[in-house]
Amino acid sequence: MGEFKIGWARRDVSTDKPINIPGQFHMRISRGILDPNFVTALVVEDGNDLVCFLSMDLVVIRSGLLDDIREKVAEQLPEFPVIKIIANATHTHAAPSHYNDKNFGHPGDIADSEDKLPIEMEIADPREYRAFLSSSAADAIVEAYRGRAAGGIAWGYGYAVVGHSRRVTYMEDVSLREGAIKNSTHGVDGHSRMYGNTNDHAFAGYEAGADHFINLMYTFDADNKLTGAIVNVPCPSQNSEGIDMLSASFWHEVRVQLKQRHGDIFVLPQAAAAGDLSPRILHYKAAQARRYKLKYGRPEAFSEEFNRLDIAERIAEAFDEVLDWAKKDIRTDLPIRHSVETVELSRRYLSYEELEDDREMLKKLEATPFKTDGTPRENLVFNSQLISGRNRCRSILNRFETQDAQPKMPMELHAVSFGEFAFATNRFEMYMDYMHRIQARSPFAQTFVIQLVGQPGDTGGSYLATERGEWGRGYSASKYCNQVSSKGGQELVEATLRMLKDLT
């Protein structure tokens, strides 16, 4: 066991070109930059093993982006073990598209659309952006590795209210109500509904609770000066998710707050398991509006500005509270152990009845003509959402044909220990309960869970619902959203715990 060597680097990966912003079922073409999107790299080694954390202000990592980054790092640093790169998306819904789809990377997890999307606007090719993004990320990793120097780490946890349950549960199946919409995008409700109305006679509560822990790992130079931190919060950064400007969401305000308090330190954001959580409340909106009016005393400058500020203030307060006591125990020589495996997880099985539903739905969607009578932007919104709906139906038909031959989904799983605490990764928007199952049984006192970690190949993250999520249905727990079943979710829990125990 040797002493730590620590290196940091970051790159601004914003673009002023008009580019698609994925994260909804329709295309949003950017009109500029509200605040910058970053990639941030941290390399820590102990002389025997290392880990490279790479945080990316993206909605998801897909279309071979991780492969591109690893290849470009290997070209510059042949000795670097690129398999040890852990790249996570923060899940901002206001980042440029790097997708490789034929229709300029429109959303809805579409791979090679069968439709030709009519486009009347200037839109930057996301494949060009992906080349810039992967090069920037690789350069940051190389800089962090080459700039590593002796230092130490400290760690701990605190409390910061950021995520809230976004799955509303009802005493009845709301999909059976008169006039209920059933489609391949949002019309997948049952006893639960994503962002459902809480002022409803059948409102029963929320499907799950929330997690207000914030896990923190600080880095210091040889003189014990703070240089940066991993900030791990169980919440996606999807405020301002409908805007048409680029943004890192609340992580921008967090960076601003911490820079004001600590100087230009590095901040590496991670989303812990939060597939059923979001950074907004659902049943206390009137009280929140009054809070923000009195607290900030001015109109919002942009969508969800006050919510983002409020979140950042809580994270910054927790950051300082934990730092105050964690820095009393700065370590310079904990052993790093980093294990990487590909695990096989049971896919969500599709029934023949589900197949027939999508066959009929697809016929109706394919018979729906493209919109041509609106403005170019209006036409693009309608037409891209139409294609998203068609392709979500097609995805079910394709999965049905291959599910017997391919009953498992591969996932690259990382487990990393720093002597007394650990990190564990997954590719999903993972429901919170899975994280608690891992943390409760982990052999380490503190376990950071990182969701939406990039995978080799073209596919990206999808939701991983729990058993009660599958029962409740609704968006995020539907056949369209879940590639892997709750059985596969528990297989992931057990595989993670096995790998963590092997590190002790």
Foldseek 3Di string as FASTA:
>chain_A
DAWKWKFKFKDFLADQFFAFQEDALFTFTANEAPDTWMWMWMWIAGVPDIAIEIEGAHQFDFAQLLVLLLVLLCVVPVPDPSLRYWYFYLRESFGGDLADEPALDYDLQFHHFPDDFDFDDDHDRSVVSSNVVSNRRNVRHVRRVVPIAFWWKFWDKFFAPFKFFQKWFFPFFVLPDPPQDQFLHFRKFGRIAGLDACPDPGTDGGPDGADGMWIKMWMAHPVRQTAEMEIEEQARQYFVNPDNHHDSHLVVLLQVLVCVVRNNHYYRYFHFQHLRIYRDDRPCVVVVVVVQCVPVVDDDPGGCPSSSNSRSVRSSVRVVVCCVPRSVDIDTRFHKDKDKDKDWFFFDADDVVLLVVLVVNLVVLVPDDQDDPDPSVVSSRVRSSSSSRNSLSVVVVVCNVCCVVRRIDIWIWMWMDRRQEIEIETQESEHPVLVVLQCVLAPHVYYRYGYSIDDRHGDGYFAADAPVCCVRITPSNHPSRTGGHNRRSVVSSVVRRVVRVVVD
